[in-house]
C-alpha atoms as a PDB file:
ATOM      1  CA  UNK A   1       7.857 115.623 -86.135  1.00  0.00           C
ATOM      2  CA  UNK A   2      10.605 114.617 -88.887  1.00  0.00           C
ATOM      3  CA  UNK A   3      11.837 110.800 -88.141  1.00  0.00           C
ATOM      4  CA  UNK A   4      15.374 110.556 -87.138  1.00  0.00           C
ATOM      5  CA  UNK A   5      18.436 108.191 -87.835  1.00  0.00           C
ATOM      6  CA  UNK A   6      22.107 108.056 -87.572  1.00  0.00           C
ATOM      7  CA  UNK A   7      24.198 106.420 -90.676  1.00  0.00           C
ATOM      8  CA  UNK A   8      27.559 105.205 -90.286  1.00  0.00           C
ATOM      9  CA  UNK A   9      29.622 105.096 -93.058  1.00  0.00           C
ATOM     10  CA  UNK A  10      27.774 108.034 -94.989  1.00  0.00           C
ATOM     11  CA  UNK A  11      30.664 109.870 -96.915  1.00  0.00           C
ATOM     12  CA  UNK A  12      30.149 107.778-100.014  1.00  0.00           C
ATOM     13  CA  UNK A  13      28.430 104.359-101.588  1.00  0.00           C
ATOM     14  CA  UNK A  14      25.265 103.227 -99.883  1.00  0.00           C
ATOM     15  CA  UNK A  15      25.884 105.377 -97.057  1.00  0.00           C
ATOM     16  CA  UNK A  16      25.551 108.397 -98.694  1.00  0.00           C
ATOM     17  CA  UNK A  17      22.949 107.274-101.066  1.00  0.00           C
ATOM     18  CA  UNK A  18      20.746 106.377 -97.976  1.00  0.00           C
ATOM     19  CA  UNK A  19      20.974 109.586 -96.591  1.00  0.00           C
ATOM     20  CA  UNK A  20      20.097 111.165 -99.648  1.00  0.00           C
ATOM     21  CA  UNK A  21      17.231 108.912 -99.543  1.00  0.00           C
ATOM     22  CA  UNK A  22      16.041 109.136 -95.965  1.00  0.00           C
ATOM     23  CA  UNK A  23      16.586 112.641 -96.464  1.00  0.00           C
ATOM     24  CA  UNK A  24      14.735 113.172 -99.504  1.00  0.00           C
ATOM     25  CA  UNK A  25      11.471 111.780 -97.304  1.00  0.00           C
ATOM     26  CA  UNK A  26      11.928 114.350 -95.000  1.00  0.00           C
ATOM     27  CA  UNK A  27      13.833 112.402 -92.393  1.00  0.00           C
ATOM     28  CA  UNK A  28      17.015 114.239 -89.839  1.00  0.00           C
ATOM     29  CA  UNK A  29      19.999 112.339 -90.767  1.00  0.00           C
ATOM     30  CA  UNK A  30      23.259 111.986 -89.311  1.00  0.00           C
ATOM     31  CA  UNK A  31      25.512 111.352 -90.992  1.00  0.00           C
ATOM     32  CA  UNK A  32      28.813 109.711 -89.788  1.00  0.00           C
ATOM     33  CA  UNK A  33      32.199 108.873 -91.087  1.00  0.00           C
ATOM     34  CA  UNK A  34      35.534 109.010 -90.651  1.00  0.00           C
ATOM     35  CA  UNK A  35      36.344 111.150 -94.043  1.00  0.00           C
ATOM     36  CA  UNK A  36      35.540 114.578 -92.709  1.00  0.00           C
ATOM     37  CA  UNK A  37      36.056 115.982 -96.780  1.00  0.00           C
ATOM     38  CA  UNK A  38      33.234 113.461 -97.388  1.00  0.00           C
ATOM     39  CA  UNK A  39      30.998 114.454 -94.797  1.00  0.00           C
ATOM     40  CA  UNK A  40      31.559 118.101 -96.033  1.00  0.00           C
ATOM     41  CA  UNK A  41      30.755 117.247 -99.934  1.00  0.00           C
ATOM     42  CA  UNK A  42      27.387 115.174 -98.525  1.00  0.00           C
ATOM     43  CA  UNK A  43      26.426 118.292 -96.153  1.00  0.00           C
ATOM     44  CA  UNK A  44      26.939 120.482 -99.562  1.00  0.00           C
ATOM     45  CA  UNK A  45      24.100 118.474-101.249  1.00  0.00           C
ATOM     46  CA  UNK A  46      21.841 118.498 -98.075  1.00  0.00           C
ATOM     47  CA  UNK A  47      22.188 121.105 -96.153  1.00  0.00           C
ATOM     48  CA  UNK A  48      22.442 122.452 -92.765  1.00  0.00           C
ATOM     49  CA  UNK A  49      19.294 120.375 -91.456  1.00  0.00           C
ATOM     50  CA  UNK A  50      20.760 117.090 -90.895  1.00  0.00           C
ATOM     51  CA  UNK A  51      24.340 116.511 -88.812  1.00  0.00           C
ATOM     52  CA  UNK A  52      27.420 115.942 -90.156  1.00  0.00           C
ATOM     53  CA  UNK A  53      29.526 114.203 -87.622  1.00  0.00           C
ATOM     54  CA  UNK A  54      33.205 112.818 -88.175  1.00  0.00           C
ATOM     55  CA  UNK A  55      33.369 109.263 -86.445  1.00  0.00           C
ATOM     56  CA  UNK A  56      35.478 106.027 -85.802  1.00  0.00           C
ATOM     57  CA  UNK A  57      32.942 103.641 -85.388  1.00  0.00           C
ATOM     58  CA  UNK A  58      36.299 101.677 -83.623  1.00  0.00           C
ATOM     59  CA  UNK A  59      36.374 104.272 -81.011  1.00  0.00           C
ATOM     60  CA  UNK A  60      33.743 103.781 -78.392  1.00  0.00           C
ATOM     61  CA  UNK A  61      34.152 107.025 -76.987  1.00  0.00           C
ATOM     62  CA  UNK A  62      33.760 108.757 -80.101  1.00  0.00           C
ATOM     63  CA  UNK A  63      30.824 106.710 -80.470  1.00  0.00           C
ATOM     64  CA  UNK A  64      29.453 107.376 -77.414  1.00  0.00           C
ATOM     65  CA  UNK A  65      29.718 111.106 -77.514  1.00  0.00           C
ATOM     66  CA  UNK A  66      28.468 111.462 -81.046  1.00  0.00           C
ATOM     67  CA  UNK A  67      25.104 109.548 -80.649  1.00  0.00           C
ATOM     68  CA  UNK A  68      24.422 111.259 -77.656  1.00  0.00           C
ATOM     69  CA  UNK A  69      25.080 115.076 -78.882  1.00  0.00           C
ATOM     70  CA  UNK A  70      22.451 114.044 -81.550  1.00  0.00           C
ATOM     71  CA  UNK A  71      19.979 112.303 -79.058  1.00  0.00           C
ATOM     72  CA  UNK A  72      20.112 115.304 -76.915  1.00  0.00           C
ATOM     73  CA  UNK A  73      19.448 117.737 -79.722  1.00  0.00           C
ATOM     74  CA  UNK A  74      16.329 115.508 -80.434  1.00  0.00           C
ATOM     75  CA  UNK A  75      14.897 114.999 -77.130  1.00  0.00           C
ATOM     76  CA  UNK A  76      16.924 112.381 -76.489  1.00  0.00           C
ATOM     77  CA  UNK A  77      16.307 109.738 -78.159  1.00  0.00           C
ATOM     78  CA  UNK A  78      16.386 108.755 -82.529  1.00  0.00           C
ATOM     79  CA  UNK A  79      14.218 106.635 -84.408  1.00  0.00           C
ATOM     80  CA  UNK A  80      16.695 104.232 -86.647  1.00  0.00           C
ATOM     81  CA  UNK A  81      20.577 102.953 -86.489  1.00  0.00           C
ATOM     82  CA  UNK A  82      21.672 102.120 -90.127  1.00  0.00           C
ATOM     83  CA  UNK A  83      25.415 100.463 -89.247  1.00  0.00           C
ATOM     84  CA  UNK A  84      26.677 100.546 -92.498  1.00  0.00           C
ATOM     85  CA  UNK A  85      30.149 101.241 -92.080  1.00  0.00           C
ATOM     86  CA  UNK A  86      32.287  98.520 -93.221  1.00  0.00           C
ATOM     87  CA  UNK A  87      35.764  97.415 -95.087  1.00  0.00           C
ATOM     88  CA  UNK A  88      36.325  94.725 -97.258  1.00  0.00           C
ATOM     89  CA  UNK A  89      39.678  93.833 -99.083  1.00  0.00           C
ATOM     90  CA  UNK A  90      39.170  90.617-101.311  1.00  0.00           C
ATOM     91  CA  UNK A  91      42.352  88.123-102.380  1.00  0.00           C
ATOM     92  CA  UNK A  92      44.205  85.457-100.928  1.00  0.00           C
ATOM     93  CA  UNK A  93      44.456  85.252 -96.699  1.00  0.00           C
ATOM     94  CA  UNK A  94      47.991  85.130 -96.526  1.00  0.00           C
ATOM     95  CA  UNK A  95      48.432  87.715 -99.451  1.00  0.00           C
ATOM     96  CA  UNK A  96      46.648  90.150 -97.489  1.00  0.00           C
ATOM     97  CA  UNK A  97      48.513  91.965 -94.096  1.00  0.00           C
ATOM     98  CA  UNK A  98      47.269  90.896 -90.648  1.00  0.00           C
ATOM     99  CA  UNK A  99      46.803  94.480 -90.471  1.00  0.00           C
ATOM    100  CA  UNK A 100      43.893  94.567 -92.842  1.00  0.00           C
ATOM    101  CA  UNK A 101      42.135  91.072 -91.435  1.00  0.00           C
ATOM    102  CA  UNK A 102      42.216  93.057 -88.733  1.00  0.00           C
ATOM    103  CA  UNK A 103      40.434  96.031 -89.890  1.00  0.00           C
ATOM    104  CA  UNK A 104      38.073  94.396 -91.312  1.00  0.00           C
ATOM    105  CA  UNK A 105      37.088  92.762 -87.668  1.00  0.00           C
ATOM    106  CA  UNK A 106      36.957  96.016 -86.060  1.00  0.00           C
ATOM    107  CA  UNK A 107      35.131  97.821 -88.447  1.00  0.00           C
ATOM    108  CA  UNK A 108      32.775  95.120 -89.259  1.00  0.00           C
ATOM    109  CA  UNK A 109      32.602  93.209 -86.110  1.00  0.00           C
ATOM    110  CA  UNK A 110      33.446  95.236 -82.946  1.00  0.00           C
ATOM    111  CA  UNK A 111      31.869  98.702 -85.067  1.00  0.00           C
ATOM    112  CA  UNK A 112      28.792  97.017 -85.196  1.00  0.00           C
ATOM    113  CA  UNK A 113      29.213  96.332 -81.287  1.00  0.00           C
ATOM    114  CA  UNK A 114      30.262  99.716 -80.380  1.00  0.00           C
ATOM    115  CA  UNK A 115      27.002 101.598 -82.620  1.00  0.00           C
ATOM    116  CA  UNK A 116      24.837  98.943 -81.121  1.00  0.00           C
ATOM    117  CA  UNK A 117      25.359  99.108 -77.304  1.00  0.00           C
ATOM    118  CA  UNK A 118      25.655 103.026 -77.692  1.00  0.00           C
ATOM    119  CA  UNK A 119      22.793 103.541 -79.230  1.00  0.00           C
ATOM    120  CA  UNK A 120      20.246 101.902 -76.817  1.00  0.00           C
ATOM    121  CA  UNK A 121      19.094 104.327 -74.720  1.00  0.00           C
ATOM    122  CA  UNK A 122      18.096 106.657 -77.263  1.00  0.00           C
ATOM    123  CA  UNK A 123      16.743 103.919 -79.544  1.00  0.00           C
ATOM    124  CA  UNK A 124      14.521 102.717 -76.560  1.00  0.00           C
ATOM    125  CA  UNK A 125      12.996 106.334 -76.196  1.00  0.00           C
ATOM    126  CA  UNK A 126      12.453 106.265 -80.134  1.00  0.00           C
ATOM    127  CA  UNK A 127       9.298 106.084 -82.087  1.00  0.00           C
ATOM    128  CA  UNK A 128       9.249 102.418 -83.834  1.00  0.00           C
ATOM    129  CA  UNK A 129      12.614 101.880 -83.319  1.00  0.00           C
ATOM    130  CA  UNK A 130      14.657 100.123 -85.654  1.00  0.00           C
ATOM    131  CA  UNK A 131      18.526  98.988 -86.137  1.00  0.00           C
ATOM    132  CA  UNK A 132      19.441  97.905 -89.346  1.00  0.00           C
ATOM    133  CA  UNK A 133      22.821  96.172 -89.899  1.00  0.00           C
ATOM    134  CA  UNK A 134      24.944  96.004 -93.281  1.00  0.00           C
ATOM    135  CA  UNK A 135      25.098  92.403 -93.844  1.00  0.00           C
ATOM    136  CA  UNK A 136      26.014  90.547 -96.962  1.00  0.00           C
ATOM    137  CA  UNK A 137      25.132  87.540 -99.090  1.00  0.00           C
ATOM    138  CA  UNK A 138      28.760  86.195 -97.885  1.00  0.00           C
ATOM    139  CA  UNK A 139      27.224  85.578 -94.733  1.00  0.00           C
ATOM    140  CA  UNK A 140      25.639  82.648 -96.727  1.00  0.00           C
ATOM    141  CA  UNK A 141      28.821  80.442 -97.017  1.00  0.00           C
ATOM    142  CA  UNK A 142      32.513  81.245 -96.102  1.00  0.00           C
ATOM    143  CA  UNK A 143      33.867  82.727 -99.285  1.00  0.00           C
ATOM    144  CA  UNK A 144      37.220  82.286-100.053  1.00  0.00           C
ATOM    145  CA  UNK A 145      39.340  85.234-101.076  1.00  0.00           C
ATOM    146  CA  UNK A 146      37.432  87.145 -98.550  1.00  0.00           C
ATOM    147  CA  UNK A 147      37.580  84.637 -95.256  1.00  0.00           C
ATOM    148  CA  UNK A 148      37.771  87.555 -92.557  1.00  0.00           C
ATOM    149  CA  UNK A 149      34.904  89.721 -94.506  1.00  0.00           C
ATOM    150  CA  UNK A 150      32.659  86.989 -94.952  1.00  0.00           C
ATOM    151  CA  UNK A 151      33.133  85.796 -91.284  1.00  0.00           C
ATOM    152  CA  UNK A 152      32.598  89.044 -90.314  1.00  0.00           C
ATOM    153  CA  UNK A 153      28.915  89.059 -91.472  1.00  0.00           C
ATOM    154  CA  UNK A 154      28.511  86.102 -90.282  1.00  0.00           C
ATOM    155  CA  UNK A 155      29.177  87.981 -86.574  1.00  0.00           C
ATOM    156  CA  UNK A 156      26.731  90.352 -88.335  1.00  0.00           C
ATOM    157  CA  UNK A 157      23.708  87.988 -89.245  1.00  0.00           C
ATOM    158  CA  UNK A 158      23.893  85.822 -85.970  1.00  0.00           C
ATOM    159  CA  UNK A 159      24.185  89.061 -83.938  1.00  0.00           C
ATOM    160  CA  UNK A 160      20.926  90.388 -85.950  1.00  0.00           C
ATOM    161  CA  UNK A 161      19.372  87.369 -86.021  1.00  0.00           C
ATOM    162  CA  UNK A 162      19.814  87.160 -81.807  1.00  0.00           C
ATOM    163  CA  UNK A 163      19.206  90.835 -81.057  1.00  0.00           C
ATOM    164  CA  UNK A 164      15.939  90.210 -82.960  1.00  0.00           C
ATOM    165  CA  UNK A 165      14.697  88.541 -80.465  1.00  0.00           C
ATOM    166  CA  UNK A 166      15.929  89.754 -77.449  1.00  0.00           C
ATOM    167  CA  UNK A 167      15.084  93.562 -78.405  1.00  0.00           C
ATOM    168  CA  UNK A 168      11.898  92.790 -79.056  1.00  0.00           C
ATOM    169  CA  UNK A 169      10.920  93.293 -75.466  1.00  0.00           C
ATOM    170  CA  UNK A 170      11.985  96.909 -75.920  1.00  0.00           C
ATOM    171  CA  UNK A 171       9.994  97.742 -78.810  1.00  0.00           C
ATOM    172  CA  UNK A 172      13.045  98.032 -81.253  1.00  0.00           C
ATOM    173  CA  UNK A 173      13.753  96.164 -84.355  1.00  0.00           C
ATOM    174  CA  UNK A 174      16.665  94.552 -85.882  1.00  0.00           C
ATOM    175  CA  UNK A 175      16.880  93.632 -89.065  1.00  0.00           C
ATOM    176  CA  UNK A 176      19.422  93.087 -91.585  1.00  0.00           C
ATOM    177  CA  UNK A 177      20.535  94.028 -95.691  1.00  0.00           C
ATOM    178  CA  UNK A 178      22.355  91.100 -97.110  1.00  0.00           C
ATOM    179  CA  UNK A 179      23.439  92.310-100.875  1.00  0.00           C
ATOM    180  CA  UNK A 180      25.988  90.621-103.104  1.00  0.00           C
ATOM    181  CA  UNK A 181      28.667  92.520-104.825  1.00  0.00           C
ATOM    182  CA  UNK A 182      27.358  96.604-105.341  1.00  0.00           C
ATOM    183  CA  UNK A 183      29.048  99.393-107.366  1.00  0.00           C
ATOM    184  CA  UNK A 184      30.726 101.461-104.541  1.00  0.00           C
ATOM    185  CA  UNK A 185      33.714 102.780-103.860  1.00  0.00           C
ATOM    186  CA  UNK A 186      34.978  99.916-101.567  1.00  0.00           C
ATOM    187  CA  UNK A 187      34.670  97.579-104.795  1.00  0.00           C
ATOM    188  CA  UNK A 188      36.278  99.654-107.103  1.00  0.00           C
ATOM    189  CA  UNK A 189      39.507  98.419-106.568  1.00  0.00           C
ATOM    190  CA  UNK A 190      38.384  94.725-106.268  1.00  0.00           C
ATOM    191  CA  UNK A 191      39.106  92.127-109.040  1.00  0.00           C
ATOM    192  CA  UNK A 192      39.630  88.072-108.286  1.00  0.00           C
ATOM    193  CA  UNK A 193      37.708  85.283-109.688  1.00  0.00           C
ATOM    194  CA  UNK A 194      35.005  85.304-107.462  1.00  0.00           C
ATOM    195  CA  UNK A 195      33.948  88.736-108.517  1.00  0.00           C
ATOM    196  CA  UNK A 196      34.701  87.460-112.289  1.00  0.00           C
ATOM    197  CA  UNK A 197      32.130  84.615-111.596  1.00  0.00           C
ATOM    198  CA  UNK A 198      29.200  86.825-109.900  1.00  0.00           C
ATOM    199  CA  UNK A 199      29.872  90.311-111.306  1.00  0.00           C
ATOM    200  CA  UNK A 200      29.332  93.449-109.971  1.00  0.00           C
ATOM    201  CA  UNK A 201      25.112  94.150-110.425  1.00  0.00           C
ATOM    202  CA  UNK A 202      23.893  96.329-108.112  1.00  0.00           C
ATOM    203  CA  UNK A 203      24.306  99.861-107.277  1.00  0.00           C
ATOM    204  CA  UNK A 204      24.500 101.644-104.215  1.00  0.00           C
ATOM    205  CA  UNK A 205      20.845 103.263-105.431  1.00  0.00           C
ATOM    206  CA  UNK A 206      19.263  99.223-105.357  1.00  0.00           C
ATOM    207  CA  UNK A 207      20.272  98.528-101.130  1.00  0.00           C
ATOM    208  CA  UNK A 208      18.836 102.044-100.310  1.00  0.00           C
ATOM    209  CA  UNK A 209      15.654 101.570-101.854  1.00  0.00           C
ATOM    210  CA  UNK A 210      16.090  98.381 -99.569  1.00  0.00           C
ATOM    211  CA  UNK A 211      16.960 100.150 -96.529  1.00  0.00           C
ATOM    212  CA  UNK A 212      14.065 102.435 -97.147  1.00  0.00           C
ATOM    213  CA  UNK A 213      11.371  99.908 -97.317  1.00  0.00           C
ATOM    214  CA  UNK A 214      13.120  98.211 -94.844  1.00  0.00           C
ATOM    215  CA  UNK A 215      13.050 100.515 -92.026  1.00  0.00           C
ATOM    216  CA  UNK A 216       8.713 100.457 -92.512  1.00  0.00           C
ATOM    217  CA  UNK A 217       8.764  96.997 -91.965  1.00  0.00           C
ATOM    218  CA  UNK A 218       8.692  95.025 -88.922  1.00  0.00           C
ATOM    219  CA  UNK A 219       8.051  91.388 -89.496  1.00  0.00           C
ATOM    220  CA  UNK A 220      11.540  90.031 -91.465  1.00  0.00           C
ATOM    221  CA  UNK A 221      14.979  89.668 -90.250  1.00  0.00           C
ATOM    222  CA  UNK A 222      17.501  89.063 -93.068  1.00  0.00           C
ATOM    223  CA  UNK A 223      16.465  91.363 -96.268  1.00  0.00           C
ATOM    224  CA  UNK A 224      18.263  89.722 -99.557  1.00  0.00           C
ATOM    225  CA  UNK A 225      19.483  91.914-102.261  1.00  0.00           C
ATOM    226  CA  UNK A 226      20.447  90.655-105.696  1.00  0.00           C
ATOM    227  CA  UNK A 227      19.363  89.986-109.433  1.00  0.00           C
ATOM    228  CA  UNK A 228      16.763  87.707-109.703  1.00  0.00           C
ATOM    229  CA  UNK A 229      19.363  84.771-111.199  1.00  0.00           C
ATOM    230  CA  UNK A 230      21.777  85.138-107.975  1.00  0.00           C
ATOM    231  CA  UNK A 231      18.453  84.501-105.656  1.00  0.00           C
ATOM    232  CA  UNK A 232      17.548  81.492-107.637  1.00  0.00           C
ATOM    233  CA  UNK A 233      21.310  79.988-107.793  1.00  0.00           C
ATOM    234  CA  UNK A 234      21.880  80.832-104.333  1.00  0.00           C
ATOM    235  CA  UNK A 235      18.447  79.779-103.188  1.00  0.00           C
ATOM    236  CA  UNK A 236      19.177  76.415-104.734  1.00  0.00           C
ATOM    237  CA  UNK A 237      22.643  76.088-103.468  1.00  0.00           C
ATOM    238  CA  UNK A 238      21.635  76.470 -99.995  1.00  0.00           C
ATOM    239  CA  UNK A 239      19.248  73.581-100.374  1.00  0.00           C
ATOM    240  CA  UNK A 240      22.223  71.160-101.737  1.00  0.00           C
ATOM    241  CA  UNK A 241      24.584  68.872 -99.586  1.00  0.00           C
ATOM    242  CA  UNK A 242      27.350  71.089 -98.203  1.00  0.00           C
ATOM    243  CA  UNK A 243      29.220  69.605-100.542  1.00  0.00           C
ATOM    244  CA  UNK A 244      27.997  69.939-103.477  1.00  0.00           C
ATOM    245  CA  UNK A 245      27.838  73.838-102.146  1.00  0.00           C
ATOM    246  CA  UNK A 246      31.531  73.650-101.591  1.00  0.00           C
ATOM    247  CA  UNK A 247      32.190  72.799-104.973  1.00  0.00           C
ATOM    248  CA  UNK A 248      30.713  75.266-106.583  1.00  0.00           C
ATOM    249  CA  UNK A 249      32.151  78.323-104.286  1.00  0.00           C
ATOM    250  CA  UNK A 250      35.191  76.579-104.676  1.00  0.00           C
ATOM    251  CA  UNK A 251      35.358  76.636-108.582  1.00  0.00           C
ATOM    252  CA  UNK A 252      33.759  80.418-108.630  1.00  0.00           C
ATOM    253  CA  UNK A 253      36.474  81.686-106.196  1.00  0.00           C
ATOM    254  CA  UNK A 254      39.002  80.255-108.629  1.00  0.00           C
ATOM    255  CA  UNK A 255      40.539  77.565-105.824  1.00  0.00           C
END
């Protein structure tokens, strides 16, 4: 019997690439996104074996409906939830609108809550069930010029760590993926000192490959995805006094 996965934000970027990878591995995918045109394009690639559903992760009623329908079609359960949908804006805090900050928190925080909560009964009935949350290296130290995004990923990291412990008793393994900047449509318009300093060195394929490995691993909580150089630099920074880490972050972000 084919394994089953729900992917949020599957219309583009990491979500679309993950959908392709899982489909090639024989999984049945429920690809969800707010962009129906993008889902149609994905359906043209992957075919009608999979489900393609318009879903706004901030709308809990819509989330409940879509997840329940997919579970019903597969014996009342599914095996994996990939909380991938996310929003980011990069600019000085006061130069973004309050509505932009609110959107980041609704999608990146409330969206993860909505989907994880709604998925519970179907994961509990699944096989080797898993929740994979898309986090970020921005959850290791607050990043200037993406304050709300960084804060939202701190939530995802803490939520993942807590749920990894809580849901162990249900046989559900919870982990997160923590990439640095990724070459995706979300980052296409991104600019600023922090982006220039770090660079966009990862592809959606790099992250999707890590997700595919993480799904079958039940030992790790955090999966960091980065260049070798950045792994070393950030690893050293995380062991330095906080004032040093702050000074480096300040310089990288142009503040």
